[in-house]
């Protein structure tokens, strides 16, 4: 923090010479996350001062400040497909924004503890209605222990129109982007507060990784194992033939 201005500085460096190329000042408390949006030529920052600041990557000038959180903002994420920004705060809420305006689109409420992160989808591919996020079976890996405290996790792109949010008390919520309603709540049984989480999805299944102190908790997204009664993709049409029914 600059003692003269009372503001925190975001510094930009040349990757070859490591010389300072730009300095951006707007936050008045610790910055907790930075997120680049290349399609909008924008850098988004958030911090303990409850502000979300948008910066022009070409001119390094401040574009706008999004105000809506009542406490510090822990994490931010952006969906290029849906063109919305989501932020997770210590005030227990997920806020959804249009980065072009300063008004909140929606406030997602339901958590009862400080949020540790938020992740958004990047491609709109619907999951089957019968799929659910659940803990891996006992014979599979359910946790990995490190010898030191975990600091951060990074995610691969999601493949469904959803927002995932997690709070430090072990509650993970899945929100449908189409109506901004909670579609599922998952509980992570842990005696230690969660510190970070991420989500990785393959062609047929996904895995959510949650960090608490020195432990990684793994959850798996598994479709129904009987292909005769469940589709892995959304059904577009149903045909009924009366002559075959007895």
Protein backbone atom coordinates (compact mmCIF):
# COMPACT_ATOMS: atom_id res chain seq x y z
CA UNK A 1 0.00 0.00 0.00
CA UNK A 2 1.21 3.49 -0.88
CA UNK A 3 1.48 5.39 2.44
CA UNK A 4 0.87 8.73 0.68
CA UNK A 5 -2.27 7.79 -1.25
CA UNK A 6 -3.54 4.95 0.95
CA UNK A 7 -4.10 2.81 -2.17
CA UNK A 8 -2.83 -0.62 -3.23
CA UNK A 9 -0.86 -0.76 -6.49
CA UNK A 10 -1.24 -3.33 -9.28
CA UNK A 11 2.03 -3.41 -11.22
CA UNK A 12 2.46 -4.65 -14.79
CA UNK A 13 5.85 -5.98 -15.92
CA UNK A 14 7.55 -6.65 -19.24
CA UNK A 15 8.04 -10.48 -19.33
CA UNK A 16 11.43 -10.13 -21.06
CA UNK A 17 13.09 -7.27 -19.20
CA UNK A 18 11.01 -7.50 -16.01
CA UNK A 19 10.73 -3.74 -16.02
CA UNK A 20 7.63 -2.06 -14.65
CA UNK A 21 5.34 -1.14 -17.55
CA UNK A 22 2.29 0.13 -15.65
CA UNK A 23 0.96 0.84 -12.20
CA UNK A 24 -2.75 0.88 -11.42
CA UNK A 25 -4.13 2.32 -8.19
CA UNK A 26 -7.73 2.07 -7.02
CA UNK A 27 -8.03 -0.51 -4.22
CA UNK A 28 -7.62 0.62 -0.62
CA UNK A 29 -6.98 -2.83 0.90
CA UNK A 30 -5.31 -6.13 0.02
CA UNK A 31 -6.03 -7.47 -3.48
CA UNK A 32 -7.16 -11.10 -3.38
CA UNK A 33 -7.63 -12.05 -7.03
CA UNK A 34 -6.86 -10.94 -10.59
CA UNK A 35 -8.69 -12.23 -13.67
CA UNK A 36 -7.90 -11.40 -17.30
CA UNK A 37 -10.69 -11.20 -19.92
CA UNK A 38 -8.84 -11.14 -23.29
CA UNK A 39 -12.01 -10.80 -25.38
CA UNK A 40 -12.82 -7.51 -23.60
CA UNK A 41 -9.18 -6.39 -23.25
CA UNK A 42 -9.94 -6.10 -19.55
CA UNK A 43 -8.27 -7.00 -16.28
CA UNK A 44 -10.54 -7.53 -13.27
CA UNK A 45 -9.31 -7.17 -9.71
CA UNK A 46 -11.01 -7.69 -6.35
CA UNK A 47 -9.96 -7.30 -2.75
CA UNK A 48 -10.70 -6.83 0.92
CA UNK A 49 -12.13 -3.35 0.30
CA UNK A 50 -15.22 -5.07 -1.26
CA UNK A 51 -14.48 -3.46 -4.65
CA UNK A 52 -14.32 -5.11 -8.07
CA UNK A 53 -12.28 -2.94 -10.43
CA UNK A 54 -12.09 -3.24 -14.22
CA UNK A 55 -8.98 -2.04 -16.03
CA UNK A 56 -8.22 -1.46 -19.73
CA UNK A 57 -5.30 -3.73 -20.65
CA UNK A 58 -4.19 -1.44 -23.49
CA UNK A 59 -4.16 1.88 -21.66
CA UNK A 60 -3.90 0.53 -18.08
CA UNK A 61 -6.65 2.98 -17.16
CA UNK A 62 -9.45 2.33 -14.70
CA UNK A 63 -12.73 1.63 -16.52
CA UNK A 64 -15.27 1.15 -13.73
CA UNK A 65 -15.80 -0.14 -10.21
CA UNK A 66 -18.49 -2.69 -9.35
CA UNK A 67 -19.98 -2.20 -5.88
CA UNK A 68 -22.35 -4.69 -4.29
CA UNK A 69 -20.45 -6.79 -1.79
CA UNK A 70 -20.58 -5.69 1.83
CA UNK A 71 -17.31 -7.42 2.75
CA UNK A 72 -14.12 -8.47 0.96
CA UNK A 73 -14.28 -10.23 -2.42
CA UNK A 74 -12.33 -13.51 -2.47
CA UNK A 75 -12.63 -14.76 -6.06
CA UNK A 76 -13.92 -13.78 -9.51
CA UNK A 77 -14.54 -15.68 -12.73
CA UNK A 78 -15.89 -14.83 -16.20
CA UNK A 79 -17.87 -16.83 -18.77
CA UNK A 80 -17.13 -15.75 -22.39
CA UNK A 81 -20.12 -17.75 -23.67
CA UNK A 82 -22.64 -16.14 -21.33
CA UNK A 83 -20.73 -12.85 -21.03
CA UNK A 84 -21.25 -12.58 -17.30
CA UNK A 85 -18.91 -12.13 -14.38
CA UNK A 86 -19.33 -13.86 -11.02
CA UNK A 87 -17.77 -12.82 -7.73
CA UNK A 88 -17.58 -14.65 -4.39
CA UNK A 89 -17.31 -12.70 -1.16
CA UNK A 90 -16.87 -12.98 2.58
CA UNK A 91 -20.48 -11.76 2.86
CA UNK A 92 -21.63 -15.33 1.91
CA UNK A 93 -23.09 -14.27 -1.47
CA UNK A 94 -22.25 -14.85 -5.13
CA UNK A 95 -22.90 -11.78 -7.26
CA UNK A 96 -23.49 -12.00 -11.03
CA UNK A 97 -22.52 -9.00 -13.16
CA UNK A 98 -22.61 -7.70 -16.70
CA UNK A 99 -19.06 -6.31 -17.08
CA UNK A 100 -20.36 -3.50 -19.32
CA UNK A 101 -22.62 -1.98 -16.64
CA UNK A 102 -22.28 -1.32 -12.92
CA UNK A 103 -25.56 -2.86 -11.75
CA UNK A 104 -25.88 -6.37 -10.31
CA UNK A 105 -27.72 -8.92 -12.48
CA UNK A 106 -28.45 -11.29 -9.61
CA UNK A 107 -27.40 -12.05 -6.04
CA UNK A 108 -27.13 -15.80 -5.32
CA UNK A 109 -27.86 -16.37 -1.64
CA UNK A 110 -27.78 -19.64 0.28
CA UNK A 111 -24.35 -20.03 1.82
CA UNK A 112 -23.99 -19.41 5.56
CA UNK A 113 -20.20 -18.95 5.68
CA UNK A 114 -17.52 -16.99 3.86
CA UNK A 115 -16.98 -18.11 0.26
CA UNK A 116 -13.59 -19.43 -0.85
CA UNK A 117 -14.19 -19.42 -4.61
CA UNK A 118 -16.50 -19.42 -7.62
CA UNK A 119 -16.15 -21.21 -10.98
CA UNK A 120 -18.20 -20.71 -14.15
CA UNK A 121 -18.82 -22.74 -17.29
CA UNK A 122 -17.14 -21.85 -20.59
CA UNK A 123 -19.11 -24.12 -22.95
CA UNK A 124 -22.82 -24.81 -22.91
CA UNK A 125 -23.16 -28.61 -22.90
CA UNK A 126 -25.98 -29.85 -20.66
CA UNK A 127 -25.53 -32.74 -18.25
CA UNK A 128 -28.12 -35.46 -17.96
CA UNK A 129 -30.66 -34.75 -15.23
CA UNK A 130 -29.70 -37.94 -13.41
CA UNK A 131 -26.03 -36.94 -13.03
CA UNK A 132 -24.89 -35.75 -9.63
CA UNK A 133 -21.69 -34.73 -7.94
CA UNK A 134 -20.94 -37.30 -5.29
CA UNK A 135 -18.01 -38.57 -3.30
CA UNK A 136 -15.91 -41.25 -4.98
CA UNK A 137 -16.49 -44.77 -3.73
CA UNK A 138 -14.32 -45.99 -0.87
CA UNK A 139 -12.14 -48.12 -3.14
CA UNK A 140 -11.24 -45.06 -5.20
CA UNK A 141 -9.06 -42.13 -4.11
CA UNK A 142 -11.08 -39.88 -1.79
CA UNK A 143 -8.35 -37.63 -0.40
CA UNK A 144 -4.70 -36.75 -0.92
CA UNK A 145 -2.59 -35.36 1.90
CA UNK A 146 0.25 -32.87 1.45
CA UNK A 147 3.03 -32.13 3.91
CA UNK A 148 2.36 -28.38 3.87
CA UNK A 149 -0.67 -26.10 3.71
CA UNK A 150 -2.23 -25.75 0.24
CA UNK A 151 -2.36 -22.27 -1.26
CA UNK A 152 -4.23 -22.47 -4.57
CA UNK A 153 -5.85 -24.66 -7.23
CA UNK A 154 -6.57 -23.98 -10.91
CA UNK A 155 -9.40 -25.35 -13.03
CA UNK A 156 -10.00 -26.72 -16.50
CA UNK A 157 -13.06 -25.44 -18.44
CA UNK A 158 -16.46 -26.56 -17.26
CA UNK A 159 -18.93 -28.03 -19.76
CA UNK A 160 -22.35 -27.13 -18.45
CA UNK A 161 -24.23 -23.84 -17.95
CA UNK A 162 -23.54 -23.66 -14.23
CA UNK A 163 -21.87 -21.64 -11.51
CA UNK A 164 -20.13 -23.56 -8.74
CA UNK A 165 -19.51 -21.84 -5.41
CA UNK A 166 -17.88 -23.15 -2.25
CA UNK A 167 -17.74 -21.84 1.31
CA UNK A 168 -15.18 -22.46 4.03
CA UNK A 169 -17.62 -24.62 6.04
CA UNK A 170 -17.60 -27.36 3.37
CA UNK A 171 -20.78 -26.46 1.46
CA UNK A 172 -20.66 -26.47 -2.35
CA UNK A 173 -23.59 -25.15 -4.36
CA UNK A 174 -24.35 -25.59 -8.06
CA UNK A 175 -26.34 -22.75 -9.68
CA UNK A 176 -28.11 -22.93 -13.04
CA UNK A 177 -27.04 -19.94 -15.15
CA UNK A 178 -30.32 -20.02 -17.09
CA UNK A 179 -32.49 -19.12 -14.08
CA UNK A 180 -29.88 -18.38 -11.36
CA UNK A 181 -31.39 -20.97 -9.02
CA UNK A 182 -29.55 -23.52 -6.89
CA UNK A 183 -29.84 -26.94 -8.54
CA UNK A 184 -27.71 -28.93 -6.09
CA UNK A 185 -25.97 -28.66 -2.73
CA UNK A 186 -23.00 -30.88 -1.83
CA UNK A 187 -21.53 -31.23 1.66
CA UNK A 188 -17.83 -31.94 2.16
CA UNK A 189 -17.25 -33.69 5.47
CA UNK A 190 -14.09 -32.14 6.89
CA UNK A 191 -12.93 -30.99 10.30
CA UNK A 192 -10.81 -28.23 8.76
CA UNK A 193 -12.04 -25.13 6.90
CA UNK A 194 -11.86 -25.30 3.12
CA UNK A 195 -9.27 -23.05 1.51
CA UNK A 196 -9.80 -23.45 -2.27
CA UNK A 197 -11.54 -25.58 -4.87
CA UNK A 198 -11.43 -26.39 -8.57
CA UNK A 199 -13.34 -28.45 -11.14
CA UNK A 200 -12.02 -30.59 -14.00
CA UNK A 201 -14.31 -32.22 -16.54
CA UNK A 202 -13.56 -34.82 -19.20
CA UNK A 203 -15.67 -36.18 -22.05
CA UNK A 204 -17.92 -38.38 -19.92
CA UNK A 205 -17.33 -37.46 -16.29
CA UNK A 206 -15.94 -34.71 -14.11
CA UNK A 207 -13.99 -34.36 -10.90
CA UNK A 208 -14.22 -31.58 -8.34
CA UNK A 209 -11.15 -31.02 -6.16
CA UNK A 210 -11.48 -29.21 -2.84
CA UNK A 211 -8.57 -28.19 -0.63
CA UNK A 212 -8.65 -27.97 3.16
CA UNK A 213 -5.34 -27.26 4.85
CA UNK A 214 -3.15 -30.17 3.70
CA UNK A 215 -5.86 -32.43 2.27
CA UNK A 216 -7.43 -32.67 -1.20
CA UNK A 217 -11.01 -33.97 -1.26
CA UNK A 218 -12.13 -35.52 -4.55
CA UNK A 219 -15.72 -35.65 -5.82
CA UNK A 220 -16.78 -37.31 -9.06
CA UNK A 221 -19.60 -36.51 -11.46
CA UNK A 222 -20.91 -39.93 -12.50
CA UNK A 223 -23.80 -40.60 -14.92
CA UNK A 224 -26.23 -43.45 -14.32
CA UNK A 225 -24.54 -46.77 -15.07
CA UNK A 226 -27.56 -48.27 -16.88
CA UNK A 227 -27.57 -46.88 -20.48
CA UNK A 228 -31.01 -48.45 -21.16
CA UNK A 229 -32.84 -45.99 -18.92
CA UNK A 230 -30.63 -42.90 -18.90
CA UNK A 231 -29.11 -40.67 -21.57
CA UNK A 232 -25.78 -38.91 -21.03
CA UNK A 233 -26.95 -36.02 -23.24
CA UNK A 234 -30.14 -33.97 -23.25
CA UNK A 235 -33.18 -35.58 -24.93
CA UNK A 236 -34.55 -33.56 -27.85
CA UNK A 237 -37.57 -35.68 -28.87
CA UNK A 238 -39.69 -38.60 -27.61
CA UNK A 239 -41.70 -40.98 -29.85
CA UNK A 240 -44.53 -43.17 -28.58
CA UNK A 241 -45.65 -46.23 -30.60
CA UNK A 242 -48.91 -47.63 -29.29
CA UNK A 243 -48.76 -50.97 -31.13
CA UNK A 244 -45.72 -52.11 -29.12
CA UNK A 245 -47.36 -51.52 -25.71
CA UNK A 246 -49.32 -54.36 -24.08
